[in-house]
Amino acid sequence: MTSRIELKCREKGLKMTEQRRTIAAVLSDSTDHPDAAAVYRRAIVLDPRISMATVYRTIRLFEDCGVCLLYTSDAADEGLGVDLG
């Protein structure tokens, strides 16, 4: 099944590689606001070829395309909020 974030990326014309699809699925399925390390831990269960650098680049790409919003939490840890609006 195609994730909500993947659909949003396609609407914006973003090329979706398998690794981007995996990260999009992890974010779409998240019920929390995971940081990059949590996204990485969840993604490698689905695709062990994904690197931490790929997670960072993909999250930044999703943010640049307006698919998600990065924010800093009160605890000063970077978190990831998903904006599908």
C-alpha atoms as a PDB file:
ATOM      1  CA  MET A   1       0.000   0.000   0.000  1.00  0.00           C
ATOM      2  CA  THR A   2       1.246   3.488  -0.828  1.00  0.00           C
ATOM      3  CA  SER A   3       1.881   5.675   2.215  1.00  0.00           C
ATOM      4  CA  ARG A   4       0.316   9.099   2.684  1.00  0.00           C
ATOM      5  CA  ILE A   5       3.718  10.752   2.507  1.00  0.00           C
ATOM      6  CA  GLU A   6       4.643   8.904  -0.679  1.00  0.00           C
ATOM      7  CA  LEU A   7       1.430  10.128  -2.307  1.00  0.00           C
ATOM      8  CA  LYS A   8       2.246  13.688  -1.214  1.00  0.00           C
ATOM      9  CA  CYS A   9       5.766  13.359  -2.660  1.00  0.00           C
ATOM     10  CA  ARG A  10       4.420  12.105  -5.976  1.00  0.00           C
ATOM     11  CA  GLU A  11       1.986  15.049  -6.110  1.00  0.00           C
ATOM     12  CA  LYS A  12       4.994  17.345  -5.796  1.00  0.00           C
ATOM     13  CA  GLY A  13       6.873  15.487  -8.556  1.00  0.00           C
ATOM     14  CA  LEU A  14       9.507  13.932  -6.295  1.00  0.00           C
ATOM     15  CA  LYS A  15      11.156  10.770  -7.611  1.00  0.00           C
ATOM     16  CA  MET A  16      10.476   7.966  -5.134  1.00  0.00           C
ATOM     17  CA  THR A  17      13.305   5.455  -4.752  1.00  0.00           C
ATOM     18  CA  GLU A  18      12.812   2.287  -2.718  1.00  0.00           C
ATOM     19  CA  GLN A  19      14.692   3.829   0.207  1.00  0.00           C
ATOM     20  CA  ARG A  20      12.574   6.988   0.074  1.00  0.00           C
ATOM     21  CA  ARG A  21       9.450   4.831  -0.017  1.00  0.00           C
ATOM     22  CA  THR A  22      10.627   2.964   3.070  1.00  0.00           C
ATOM     23  CA  ILE A  23      11.342   6.165   4.988  1.00  0.00           C
ATOM     24  CA  ALA A  24       8.011   7.636   3.862  1.00  0.00           C
ATOM     25  CA  ALA A  25       6.248   4.502   5.127  1.00  0.00           C
ATOM     26  CA  VAL A  26       8.039   4.715   8.481  1.00  0.00           C
ATOM     27  CA  LEU A  27       7.002   8.345   8.885  1.00  0.00           C
ATOM     28  CA  SER A  28       3.432   7.715   7.746  1.00  0.00           C
ATOM     29  CA  ASP A  29       3.056   4.828  10.172  1.00  0.00           C
ATOM     30  CA  SER A  30       4.504   6.777  13.111  1.00  0.00           C
ATOM     31  CA  THR A  31       2.150   7.708  15.903  1.00  0.00           C
ATOM     32  CA  ASP A  32       4.836   9.849  17.549  1.00  0.00           C
ATOM     33  CA  HIS A  33       7.233  12.516  16.279  1.00  0.00           C
ATOM     34  CA  PRO A  34      10.421  10.477  15.785  1.00  0.00           C
ATOM     35  CA  ASP A  35      13.857  11.972  15.510  1.00  0.00           C
ATOM     36  CA  ALA A  36      16.184  10.847  12.708  1.00  0.00           C
ATOM     37  CA  ALA A  37      17.716   8.093  14.846  1.00  0.00           C
ATOM     38  CA  ALA A  38      14.279   6.587  15.534  1.00  0.00           C
ATOM     39  CA  VAL A  39      13.367   6.782  11.841  1.00  0.00           C
ATOM     40  CA  TYR A  40      16.642   5.006  11.039  1.00  0.00           C
ATOM     41  CA  ARG A  41      16.036   2.232  13.606  1.00  0.00           C
ATOM     42  CA  ARG A  42      12.556   1.621  12.199  1.00  0.00           C
ATOM     43  CA  ALA A  43      13.649   1.844   8.557  1.00  0.00           C
ATOM     44  CA  ILE A  44      16.486  -0.673   8.777  1.00  0.00           C
ATOM     45  CA  VAL A  45      14.008  -3.297   9.950  1.00  0.00           C
ATOM     46  CA  LEU A  46      12.307  -2.895   6.563  1.00  0.00           C
ATOM     47  CA  ASP A  47      15.457  -2.313   4.490  1.00  0.00           C
ATOM     48  CA  PRO A  48      18.861  -2.954   6.097  1.00  0.00           C
ATOM     49  CA  ARG A  49      20.616  -1.160   3.200  1.00  0.00           C
ATOM     50  CA  ILE A  50      19.405   2.252   4.413  1.00  0.00           C
ATOM     51  CA  SER A  51      22.113   4.362   6.042  1.00  0.00           C
ATOM     52  CA  MET A  52      21.735   7.095   8.616  1.00  0.00           C
ATOM     53  CA  ALA A  53      22.967   9.571   5.994  1.00  0.00           C
ATOM     54  CA  THR A  54      20.129   8.476   3.686  1.00  0.00           C
ATOM     55  CA  VAL A  55      17.619   9.095   6.455  1.00  0.00           C
ATOM     56  CA  TYR A  56      18.982  12.605   7.087  1.00  0.00           C
ATOM     57  CA  ARG A  57      19.044  13.463   3.369  1.00  0.00           C
ATOM     58  CA  THR A  58      15.548  12.101   2.784  1.00  0.00           C
ATOM     59  CA  ILE A  59      14.055  13.911   5.766  1.00  0.00           C
ATOM     60  CA  ARG A  60      15.662  17.156   4.557  1.00  0.00           C
ATOM     61  CA  LEU A  61      14.359  16.521   1.024  1.00  0.00           C
ATOM     62  CA  PHE A  62      10.851  15.877   2.353  1.00  0.00           C
ATOM     63  CA  GLU A  63      11.061  19.108   4.334  1.00  0.00           C
ATOM     64  CA  ASP A  64      12.332  21.093   1.331  1.00  0.00           C
ATOM     65  CA  CYS A  65       9.385  19.776  -0.709  1.00  0.00           C
ATOM     66  CA  GLY A  66       6.922  20.756   2.014  1.00  0.00           C
ATOM     67  CA  VAL A  67       5.989  17.177   2.879  1.00  0.00           C
ATOM     68  CA  CYS A  68       7.132  17.286   6.494  1.00  0.00           C
ATOM     69  CA  LEU A  69       8.188  19.856   9.024  1.00  0.00           C
ATOM     70  CA  LEU A  70      11.324  19.634  11.157  1.00  0.00           C
ATOM     71  CA  TYR A  71      11.159  21.201  14.566  1.00  0.00           C
ATOM     72  CA  THR A  72      13.112  21.384  17.787  1.00  0.00           C
ATOM     73  CA  SER A  73      11.381  20.024  20.858  1.00  0.00           C
ATOM     74  CA  ASP A  74      11.477  21.570  24.305  1.00  0.00           C
ATOM     75  CA  ALA A  75      14.107  19.003  25.234  1.00  0.00           C
ATOM     76  CA  ALA A  76      16.400  20.518  22.564  1.00  0.00           C
ATOM     77  CA  ASP A  77      16.337  17.266  20.587  1.00  0.00           C
ATOM     78  CA  GLU A  78      15.479  17.580  16.934  1.00  0.00           C
ATOM     79  CA  GLY A  79      12.185  15.892  16.234  1.00  0.00           C
ATOM     80  CA  LEU A  80      10.202  15.369  13.095  1.00  0.00           C
ATOM     81  CA  GLY A  81       6.637  16.457  12.688  1.00  0.00           C
ATOM     82  CA  VAL A  82       4.755  15.250   9.646  1.00  0.00           C
ATOM     83  CA  ASP A  83       2.763  17.936   7.865  1.00  0.00           C
ATOM     84  CA  LEU A  84       0.364  16.476   5.319  1.00  0.00           C
ATOM     85  CA  GLY A  85      -1.709  19.640   4.949  1.00  0.00           C
END
